[in-house]
Amino acid sequence: MSTLRTLQHDFCSAVFSSTEDDVLLARHCAGSTRRMRAGIAAYRRSVLANLASAVAGSYPLLQNIVGPDFINEAARRYAQLYPSLSGDLNLYGEHFGAFLAAYPPAADLPWLPAVAELEWEIQRIYGAPDAPAVDLAALQTTPPEQWEQLIFDLDPGHALIKSNWPLARIWEVNQTGHEGDMRVDFDMAQCVLVHRRGYDTHVELVAPGQFAFLNRLSQGVSLGPAVAAAMEVDEQFDFGVALQRFIASSLIRRAFLSEQS
């Protein structure tokens, strides 16, 4: 007698594989094989449609770029290769960018996986924890000669993406209501900051030096090494300008001396 685990495995294989694999499930079923195949086919259509809908819903920018027919077919094929591992479909679709990188119909759009990565990060940070209260008193109370020891906590609702493609520009020209120049220079690499502010998500272009600076701060590195890392990328990096920008945008939430960590 087959175990429950074997039954579940064979059922899953039948749902996410072609109808030729229904033979695995036939050993568990009594009655007509034809009827069994028809039932599995109906269940397969329903499951894949629900998963594909969840994926497509997570990537509205991609839909706007390539159209619903392209994205729906890609999402359906993705669903066959990547069964959901959670009952929460908001968590489904994480690997869609990697899928698109190997998806033949997307071969002429090599930047498409990077756009998928951007959209997934947008969805991820939408569900990130709320930002802690702003507490930057240490900036005022710490002597300038000790500033290099300051550590900054960043808003958890953010993501940093370094891409070979102009992600910020692609995002900009595909927003509803965008007017004016629609040209995109696909030879331009860009560093992007995605930041949730309240209920809005902002996609911002950041200079390579500022990107390196934020990346180090997000790793818990103190101000001195973070500035050094930024200047390795850009000798003209101005940490005062960067600090002012990211405090004003509420990305930097808290400051404290490293010895207090």
C-alpha atoms as a PDB file:
ATOM      1  CA  MET A   1       0.000   0.000   0.000  1.00  0.00           C
ATOM      2  CA  SER A   2       1.304   3.443  -0.930  1.00  0.00           C
ATOM      3  CA  THR A   3       2.091   5.858   1.834  1.00  0.00           C
ATOM      4  CA  LEU A   4       0.419   9.257   2.119  1.00  0.00           C
ATOM      5  CA  ARG A   5       3.733  10.918   1.311  1.00  0.00           C
ATOM      6  CA  THR A   6       4.054   8.941  -1.928  1.00  0.00           C
ATOM      7  CA  LEU A   7       0.482   9.837  -2.875  1.00  0.00           C
ATOM      8  CA  GLN A   8       1.125  13.520  -2.228  1.00  0.00           C
ATOM      9  CA  HIS A   9       4.389  13.433  -4.194  1.00  0.00           C
ATOM     10  CA  ASP A  10       2.782  11.736  -7.185  1.00  0.00           C
ATOM     11  CA  PHE A  11      -0.187  14.089  -7.099  1.00  0.00           C
ATOM     12  CA  CYS A  12       2.110  17.122  -7.079  1.00  0.00           C
ATOM     13  CA  SER A  13       4.153  15.661  -9.943  1.00  0.00           C
ATOM     14  CA  ALA A  14       0.993  15.112 -11.959  1.00  0.00           C
ATOM     15  CA  VAL A  15      -0.232  18.671 -11.375  1.00  0.00           C
ATOM     16  CA  PHE A  16       3.030  20.400 -12.225  1.00  0.00           C
ATOM     17  CA  SER A  17       4.095  18.112 -15.072  1.00  0.00           C
ATOM     18  CA  SER A  18       2.671  17.194 -18.454  1.00  0.00           C
ATOM     19  CA  THR A  19      -0.290  14.831 -18.749  1.00  0.00           C
ATOM     20  CA  GLU A  20       2.145  12.055 -19.674  1.00  0.00           C
ATOM     21  CA  ASP A  21       3.178  11.929 -16.032  1.00  0.00           C
ATOM     22  CA  ASP A  22      -0.350  11.184 -14.823  1.00  0.00           C
ATOM     23  CA  VAL A  23       0.638   7.521 -14.950  1.00  0.00           C
ATOM     24  CA  LEU A  24       2.364   8.060 -11.594  1.00  0.00           C
ATOM     25  CA  LEU A  25      -0.961   8.904 -10.046  1.00  0.00           C
ATOM     26  CA  ALA A  26      -2.890   6.104 -11.753  1.00  0.00           C
ATOM     27  CA  ARG A  27      -1.541   3.530  -9.308  1.00  0.00           C
ATOM     28  CA  HIS A  28      -3.394   5.295  -6.496  1.00  0.00           C
ATOM     29  CA  CYS A  29      -6.734   5.624  -8.307  1.00  0.00           C
ATOM     30  CA  ALA A  30      -9.500   3.155  -8.874  1.00  0.00           C
ATOM     31  CA  GLY A  31     -11.809   3.343 -11.855  1.00  0.00           C
ATOM     32  CA  SER A  32     -11.365   4.942 -15.240  1.00  0.00           C
ATOM     33  CA  THR A  33      -7.904   6.271 -16.116  1.00  0.00           C
ATOM     34  CA  ARG A  34      -9.577   8.631 -18.574  1.00  0.00           C
ATOM     35  CA  ARG A  35     -11.726  10.104 -15.837  1.00  0.00           C
ATOM     36  CA  MET A  36      -8.671  10.442 -13.586  1.00  0.00           C
ATOM     37  CA  ARG A  37      -6.747  12.267 -16.317  1.00  0.00           C
ATOM     38  CA  ALA A  38      -9.638  14.649 -16.930  1.00  0.00           C
ATOM     39  CA  GLY A  39      -9.850  15.449 -13.231  1.00  0.00           C
ATOM     40  CA  ILE A  40      -6.114  16.098 -12.935  1.00  0.00           C
ATOM     41  CA  ALA A  41      -6.175  18.267 -16.074  1.00  0.00           C
ATOM     42  CA  ALA A  42      -8.930  20.424 -14.574  1.00  0.00           C
ATOM     43  CA  TYR A  43      -7.084  20.738 -11.273  1.00  0.00           C
ATOM     44  CA  ARG A  44      -3.833  21.526 -13.129  1.00  0.00           C
ATOM     45  CA  ARG A  45      -5.484  24.355 -15.065  1.00  0.00           C
ATOM     46  CA  SER A  46      -6.896  25.846 -11.881  1.00  0.00           C
ATOM     47  CA  VAL A  47      -3.658  25.627  -9.864  1.00  0.00           C
ATOM     48  CA  LEU A  48      -1.431  26.988 -12.616  1.00  0.00           C
ATOM     49  CA  ALA A  49      -3.893  29.778 -13.390  1.00  0.00           C
ATOM     50  CA  ASN A  50      -3.955  30.884  -9.735  1.00  0.00           C
ATOM     51  CA  LEU A  51      -0.165  30.785  -9.447  1.00  0.00           C
ATOM     52  CA  ALA A  52       0.340  32.566 -12.764  1.00  0.00           C
ATOM     53  CA  SER A  53      -2.123  35.251 -11.693  1.00  0.00           C
ATOM     54  CA  ALA A  54      -0.192  35.766  -8.455  1.00  0.00           C
ATOM     55  CA  VAL A  55       3.084  36.130 -10.364  1.00  0.00           C
ATOM     56  CA  ALA A  56       1.648  38.503 -12.947  1.00  0.00           C
ATOM     57  CA  GLY A  57       0.132  40.631 -10.199  1.00  0.00           C
ATOM     58  CA  SER A  58       3.547  41.084  -8.609  1.00  0.00           C
ATOM     59  CA  TYR A  59       5.064  42.512 -11.784  1.00  0.00           C
ATOM     60  CA  PRO A  60       2.840  45.327 -13.114  1.00  0.00           C
ATOM     61  CA  LEU A  61       5.813  47.180 -14.611  1.00  0.00           C
ATOM     62  CA  LEU A  62       6.761  44.110 -16.635  1.00  0.00           C
ATOM     63  CA  GLN A  63       3.172  43.838 -17.834  1.00  0.00           C
ATOM     64  CA  ASN A  64       3.268  47.454 -18.919  1.00  0.00           C
ATOM     65  CA  ILE A  65       6.479  46.831 -20.879  1.00  0.00           C
ATOM     66  CA  VAL A  66       5.838  43.487 -22.596  1.00  0.00           C
ATOM     67  CA  GLY A  67       2.048  43.251 -22.429  1.00  0.00           C
ATOM     68  CA  PRO A  68      -0.301  40.927 -20.530  1.00  0.00           C
ATOM     69  CA  ASP A  69      -0.162  38.062 -23.040  1.00  0.00           C
ATOM     70  CA  PHE A  70       3.625  37.767 -22.747  1.00  0.00           C
ATOM     71  CA  ILE A  71       3.681  38.029 -18.967  1.00  0.00           C
ATOM     72  CA  ASN A  72       0.752  35.636 -18.459  1.00  0.00           C
ATOM     73  CA  GLU A  73       2.333  32.925 -20.608  1.00  0.00           C
ATOM     74  CA  ALA A  74       5.714  33.415 -18.921  1.00  0.00           C
ATOM     75  CA  ALA A  75       4.055  33.280 -15.499  1.00  0.00           C
ATOM     76  CA  ARG A  76       2.229  30.058 -16.396  1.00  0.00           C
ATOM     77  CA  ARG A  77       5.476  28.399 -17.472  1.00  0.00           C
ATOM     78  CA  TYR A  78       7.179  29.707 -14.344  1.00  0.00           C
ATOM     79  CA  ALA A  79       4.433  28.153 -12.210  1.00  0.00           C
ATOM     80  CA  GLN A  80       5.127  24.749 -13.732  1.00  0.00           C
ATOM     81  CA  LEU A  81       8.811  24.987 -12.768  1.00  0.00           C
ATOM     82  CA  TYR A  82       8.439  26.667  -9.367  1.00  0.00           C
ATOM     83  CA  PRO A  83       5.577  25.255  -7.256  1.00  0.00           C
ATOM     84  CA  SER A  84       4.563  27.502  -4.387  1.00  0.00           C
ATOM     85  CA  LEU A  85       6.238  26.678  -1.064  1.00  0.00           C
ATOM     86  CA  SER A  86       3.878  28.810   1.002  1.00  0.00           C
ATOM     87  CA  GLY A  87       0.153  29.284   1.410  1.00  0.00           C
ATOM     88  CA  ASP A  88       0.745  33.036   1.136  1.00  0.00           C
ATOM     89  CA  LEU A  89       0.794  33.847  -2.574  1.00  0.00           C
ATOM     90  CA  ASN A  90       2.246  37.276  -1.792  1.00  0.00           C
ATOM     91  CA  LEU A  91       5.505  35.393  -1.252  1.00  0.00           C
ATOM     92  CA  TYR A  92       5.295  33.639  -4.614  1.00  0.00           C
ATOM     93  CA  GLY A  93       7.302  34.768  -7.626  1.00  0.00           C
ATOM     94  CA  GLU A  94      10.703  35.511  -6.082  1.00  0.00           C
ATOM     95  CA  HIS A  95      12.621  33.644  -8.791  1.00  0.00           C
ATOM     96  CA  PHE A  96      10.777  35.103 -11.760  1.00  0.00           C
ATOM     97  CA  GLY A  97      13.772  37.236 -12.737  1.00  0.00           C
ATOM     98  CA  ALA A  98      16.031  34.188 -12.864  1.00  0.00           C
ATOM     99  CA  PHE A  99      13.379  32.392 -14.891  1.00  0.00           C
ATOM    100  CA  LEU A 100      13.204  35.239 -17.416  1.00  0.00           C
ATOM    101  CA  ALA A 101      16.995  35.168 -17.813  1.00  0.00           C
ATOM    102  CA  ALA A 102      16.671  31.657 -19.295  1.00  0.00           C
ATOM    103  CA  TYR A 103      13.283  32.144 -20.990  1.00  0.00           C
ATOM    104  CA  PRO A 104      13.822  32.047 -24.795  1.00  0.00           C
ATOM    105  CA  PRO A 105      11.043  34.543 -25.711  1.00  0.00           C
ATOM    106  CA  ALA A 106      12.783  37.116 -23.467  1.00  0.00           C
ATOM    107  CA  ALA A 107      16.197  36.664 -25.075  1.00  0.00           C
ATOM    108  CA  ASP A 108      15.885  39.915 -27.041  1.00  0.00           C
ATOM    109  CA  LEU A 109      15.197  41.833 -23.824  1.00  0.00           C
ATOM    110  CA  PRO A 110      18.266  41.019 -21.681  1.00  0.00           C
ATOM    111  CA  TRP A 111      17.405  43.784 -19.217  1.00  0.00           C
ATOM    112  CA  LEU A 112      14.007  42.252 -18.381  1.00  0.00           C
ATOM    113  CA  PRO A 113      15.304  40.068 -15.487  1.00  0.00           C
ATOM    114  CA  ALA A 114      16.767  43.175 -13.841  1.00  0.00           C
ATOM    115  CA  VAL A 115      13.385  44.905 -14.033  1.00  0.00           C
ATOM    116  CA  ALA A 116      11.842  41.828 -12.414  1.00  0.00           C
ATOM    117  CA  GLU A 117      14.416  42.051  -9.622  1.00  0.00           C
ATOM    118  CA  LEU A 118      13.492  45.691  -9.074  1.00  0.00           C
ATOM    119  CA  GLU A 119       9.791  44.906  -8.886  1.00  0.00           C
ATOM    120  CA  TRP A 120      10.340  42.032  -6.472  1.00  0.00           C
ATOM    121  CA  GLU A 121      12.346  44.307  -4.174  1.00  0.00           C
ATOM    122  CA  ILE A 122       9.520  46.843  -4.316  1.00  0.00           C
ATOM    123  CA  GLN A 123       7.063  44.170  -3.207  1.00  0.00           C
ATOM    124  CA  ARG A 124       9.427  42.885  -0.522  1.00  0.00           C
ATOM    125  CA  ILE A 125      10.015  46.253   1.107  1.00  0.00           C
ATOM    126  CA  TYR A 126       6.300  47.026   1.021  1.00  0.00           C
ATOM    127  CA  GLY A 127       5.941  44.319   3.653  1.00  0.00           C
ATOM    128  CA  ALA A 128       9.078  45.272   5.593  1.00  0.00           C
ATOM    129  CA  PRO A 129       8.816  46.240   9.288  1.00  0.00           C
ATOM    130  CA  ASP A 130       7.910  49.820  10.121  1.00  0.00           C
ATOM    131  CA  ALA A 131      10.799  52.225  10.466  1.00  0.00           C
ATOM    132  CA  PRO A 132      11.993  52.971  14.027  1.00  0.00           C
ATOM    133  CA  ALA A 133      11.502  56.440  15.424  1.00  0.00           C
ATOM    134  CA  VAL A 134      14.041  58.999  14.274  1.00  0.00           C
ATOM    135  CA  ASP A 135      16.796  59.548  16.843  1.00  0.00           C
ATOM    136  CA  LEU A 136      19.750  61.506  15.501  1.00  0.00           C
ATOM    137  CA  ALA A 137      20.718  63.229  18.736  1.00  0.00           C
ATOM    138  CA  ALA A 138      24.152  61.592  18.585  1.00  0.00           C
ATOM    139  CA  LEU A 139      24.975  63.750  15.547  1.00  0.00           C
ATOM    140  CA  GLN A 140      24.681  66.831  17.765  1.00  0.00           C
ATOM    141  CA  THR A 141      26.269  65.446  20.914  1.00  0.00           C
ATOM    142  CA  THR A 142      29.230  63.610  19.389  1.00  0.00           C
ATOM    143  CA  PRO A 143      32.420  65.693  18.904  1.00  0.00           C
ATOM    144  CA  PRO A 144      33.454  65.960  15.227  1.00  0.00           C
ATOM    145  CA  GLU A 145      36.691  64.070  15.922  1.00  0.00           C
ATOM    146  CA  GLN A 146      34.580  61.024  16.895  1.00  0.00           C
ATOM    147  CA  TRP A 147      32.157  61.140  13.978  1.00  0.00           C
ATOM    148  CA  GLU A 148      33.965  58.357  12.175  1.00  0.00           C
ATOM    149  CA  GLN A 149      32.790  56.051  14.968  1.00  0.00           C
ATOM    150  CA  LEU A 150      29.117  56.851  14.392  1.00  0.00           C
ATOM    151  CA  ILE A 151      26.862  54.048  13.183  1.00  0.00           C
ATOM    152  CA  PHE A 152      23.576  54.726  11.421  1.00  0.00           C
ATOM    153  CA  ASP A 153      20.471  52.572  11.381  1.00  0.00           C
ATOM    154  CA  LEU A 154      18.593  52.725   8.083  1.00  0.00           C
ATOM    155  CA  ASP A 155      14.892  52.342   7.430  1.00  0.00           C
ATOM    156  CA  PRO A 156      14.273  48.581   6.917  1.00  0.00           C
ATOM    157  CA  GLY A 157      11.901  49.504   4.083  1.00  0.00           C
ATOM    158  CA  HIS A 158      14.652  49.998   1.534  1.00  0.00           C
ATOM    159  CA  ALA A 159      16.696  48.081  -1.023  1.00  0.00           C
ATOM    160  CA  LEU A 160      19.903  48.829  -2.899  1.00  0.00           C
ATOM    161  CA  ILE A 161      20.361  47.493  -6.432  1.00  0.00           C
ATOM    162  CA  LYS A 162      23.500  47.860  -8.531  1.00  0.00           C
ATOM    163  CA  SER A 163      22.586  47.009 -12.102  1.00  0.00           C
ATOM    164  CA  ASN A 164      24.201  46.898 -15.523  1.00  0.00           C
ATOM    165  CA  TRP A 165      20.963  48.405 -16.833  1.00  0.00           C
ATOM    166  CA  PRO A 166      19.287  51.833 -16.406  1.00  0.00           C
ATOM    167  CA  LEU A 167      16.679  50.608 -13.943  1.00  0.00           C
ATOM    168  CA  ALA A 168      15.725  54.011 -12.552  1.00  0.00           C
ATOM    169  CA  ARG A 169      15.143  55.343 -16.062  1.00  0.00           C
ATOM    170  CA  ILE A 170      13.134  52.284 -17.134  1.00  0.00           C
ATOM    171  CA  TRP A 171      10.999  52.727 -14.028  1.00  0.00           C
ATOM    172  CA  GLU A 172      10.537  56.434 -14.696  1.00  0.00           C
ATOM    173  CA  VAL A 173       9.387  56.243 -18.308  1.00  0.00           C
ATOM    174  CA  ASN A 174       6.935  53.410 -17.593  1.00  0.00           C
ATOM    175  CA  GLN A 175       5.071  55.158 -14.803  1.00  0.00           C
ATOM    176  CA  THR A 176       1.452  56.092 -15.386  1.00  0.00           C
ATOM    177  CA  GLY A 177       1.237  59.739 -16.324  1.00  0.00           C
ATOM    178  CA  HIS A 178       4.846  60.041 -17.459  1.00  0.00           C
ATOM    179  CA  GLU A 179       5.166  62.726 -20.108  1.00  0.00           C
ATOM    180  CA  GLY A 180       8.073  63.920 -22.187  1.00  0.00           C
ATOM    181  CA  ASP A 181      11.169  62.083 -23.309  1.00  0.00           C
ATOM    182  CA  MET A 182      10.688  58.315 -23.445  1.00  0.00           C
ATOM    183  CA  ARG A 183      14.206  57.465 -24.583  1.00  0.00           C
ATOM    184  CA  VAL A 184      16.256  54.992 -22.541  1.00  0.00           C
ATOM    185  CA  ASP A 185      19.997  54.495 -22.939  1.00  0.00           C
ATOM    186  CA  PHE A 186      20.369  50.764 -22.390  1.00  0.00           C
ATOM    187  CA  ASP A 187      24.149  51.078 -22.352  1.00  0.00           C
ATOM    188  CA  MET A 188      23.975  52.965 -19.069  1.00  0.00           C
ATOM    189  CA  ALA A 189      24.478  51.123 -15.772  1.00  0.00           C
ATOM    190  CA  GLN A 190      22.708  52.588 -12.753  1.00  0.00           C
ATOM    191  CA  CYS A 191      22.723  52.261  -8.976  1.00  0.00           C
ATOM    192  CA  VAL A 192      19.228  52.390  -7.542  1.00  0.00           C
ATOM    193  CA  LEU A 193      17.735  53.012  -4.118  1.00  0.00           C
ATOM    194  CA  VAL A 194      14.220  51.725  -3.492  1.00  0.00           C
ATOM    195  CA  HIS A 195      12.708  53.356  -0.407  1.00  0.00           C
ATOM    196  CA  ARG A 196       9.263  53.064   1.105  1.00  0.00           C
ATOM    197  CA  ARG A 197       8.023  56.301   2.609  1.00  0.00           C
ATOM    198  CA  GLY A 198       4.656  55.898   4.233  1.00  0.00           C
ATOM    199  CA  TYR A 199       2.458  54.186   1.667  1.00  0.00           C
ATOM    200  CA  ASP A 200       4.553  55.280  -1.312  1.00  0.00           C
ATOM    201  CA  THR A 201       7.587  53.557  -2.785  1.00  0.00           C
ATOM    202  CA  HIS A 202      10.272  55.664  -4.424  1.00  0.00           C
ATOM    203  CA  VAL A 203      12.806  54.423  -6.949  1.00  0.00           C
ATOM    204  CA  GLU A 204      15.777  56.799  -6.955  1.00  0.00           C
ATOM    205  CA  LEU A 205      18.995  57.021  -8.899  1.00  0.00           C
ATOM    206  CA  VAL A 206      22.040  57.287  -6.645  1.00  0.00           C
ATOM    207  CA  ALA A 207      25.629  58.015  -7.625  1.00  0.00           C
ATOM    208  CA  PRO A 208      28.093  55.109  -7.303  1.00  0.00           C
ATOM    209  CA  GLY A 209      29.822  56.766  -4.336  1.00  0.00           C
ATOM    210  CA  GLN A 210      26.538  57.266  -2.506  1.00  0.00           C
ATOM    211  CA  PHE A 211      25.569  53.694  -3.291  1.00  0.00           C
ATOM    212  CA  ALA A 212      28.806  52.385  -1.756  1.00  0.00           C
ATOM    213  CA  PHE A 213      28.262  54.654   1.246  1.00  0.00           C
ATOM    214  CA  LEU A 214      24.725  53.394   1.870  1.00  0.00           C
ATOM    215  CA  ASN A 215      25.716  49.806   1.238  1.00  0.00           C
ATOM    216  CA  ARG A 216      28.353  49.958   3.961  1.00  0.00           C
ATOM    217  CA  LEU A 217      26.047  51.746   6.392  1.00  0.00           C
ATOM    218  CA  SER A 218      23.381  49.086   5.816  1.00  0.00           C
ATOM    219  CA  GLN A 219      25.956  46.474   6.878  1.00  0.00           C
ATOM    220  CA  GLY A 220      26.460  48.203  10.239  1.00  0.00           C
ATOM    221  CA  VAL A 221      29.795  49.768   9.295  1.00  0.00           C
ATOM    222  CA  SER A 222      30.656  53.031  11.041  1.00  0.00           C
ATOM    223  CA  LEU A 223      30.869  56.371   9.250  1.00  0.00           C
ATOM    224  CA  GLY A 224      34.647  56.416   8.779  1.00  0.00           C
ATOM    225  CA  PRO A 225      34.963  53.153   6.813  1.00  0.00           C
ATOM    226  CA  ALA A 226      31.719  53.899   4.967  1.00  0.00           C
ATOM    227  CA  VAL A 227      33.118  57.197   3.711  1.00  0.00           C
ATOM    228  CA  ALA A 228      36.399  55.486   2.783  1.00  0.00           C
ATOM    229  CA  ALA A 229      34.507  52.883   0.743  1.00  0.00           C
ATOM    230  CA  ALA A 230      32.596  55.625  -1.051  1.00  0.00           C
ATOM    231  CA  MET A 231      35.777  57.546  -1.882  1.00  0.00           C
ATOM    232  CA  GLU A 232      37.348  54.426  -3.355  1.00  0.00           C
ATOM    233  CA  VAL A 233      34.534  54.543  -5.900  1.00  0.00           C
ATOM    234  CA  ASP A 234      34.344  58.322  -6.267  1.00  0.00           C
ATOM    235  CA  GLU A 235      37.180  60.584  -5.120  1.00  0.00           C
ATOM    236  CA  GLN A 236      34.793  63.556  -5.227  1.00  0.00           C
ATOM    237  CA  PHE A 237      32.306  61.925  -2.842  1.00  0.00           C
ATOM    238  CA  ASP A 238      30.897  64.482  -0.379  1.00  0.00           C
ATOM    239  CA  PHE A 239      29.664  62.691   2.714  1.00  0.00           C
ATOM    240  CA  GLY A 240      28.010  65.887   4.004  1.00  0.00           C
ATOM    241  CA  VAL A 241      25.808  66.089   0.922  1.00  0.00           C
ATOM    242  CA  ALA A 242      25.017  62.364   1.127  1.00  0.00           C
ATOM    243  CA  LEU A 243      24.238  62.549   4.841  1.00  0.00           C
ATOM    244  CA  GLN A 244      21.935  65.511   4.325  1.00  0.00           C
ATOM    245  CA  ARG A 245      20.108  63.798   1.449  1.00  0.00           C
ATOM    246  CA  PHE A 246      19.424  60.554   3.259  1.00  0.00           C
ATOM    247  CA  ILE A 247      18.487  62.204   6.546  1.00  0.00           C
ATOM    248  CA  ALA A 248      16.070  64.498   4.719  1.00  0.00           C
ATOM    249  CA  SER A 249      14.457  61.494   2.992  1.00  0.00           C
ATOM    250  CA  SER A 250      14.152  59.686   6.370  1.00  0.00           C
ATOM    251  CA  LEU A 251      16.255  56.783   5.160  1.00  0.00           C
ATOM    252  CA  ILE A 252      18.726  57.337   8.019  1.00  0.00           C
ATOM    253  CA  ARG A 253      16.752  56.837  11.221  1.00  0.00           C
ATOM    254  CA  ARG A 254      19.158  56.549  14.140  1.00  0.00           C
ATOM    255  CA  ALA A 255      22.749  57.447  15.022  1.00  0.00           C
ATOM    256  CA  PHE A 256      24.893  56.114  17.849  1.00  0.00           C
ATOM    257  CA  LEU A 257      28.549  55.602  18.674  1.00  0.00           C
ATOM    258  CA  SER A 258      29.939  52.204  17.719  1.00  0.00           C
ATOM    259  CA  GLU A 259      31.160  51.592  21.260  1.00  0.00           C
ATOM    260  CA  GLN A 260      27.510  51.697  22.360  1.00  0.00           C
ATOM    261  CA  SER A 261      26.394  49.014  19.882  1.00  0.00           C
END
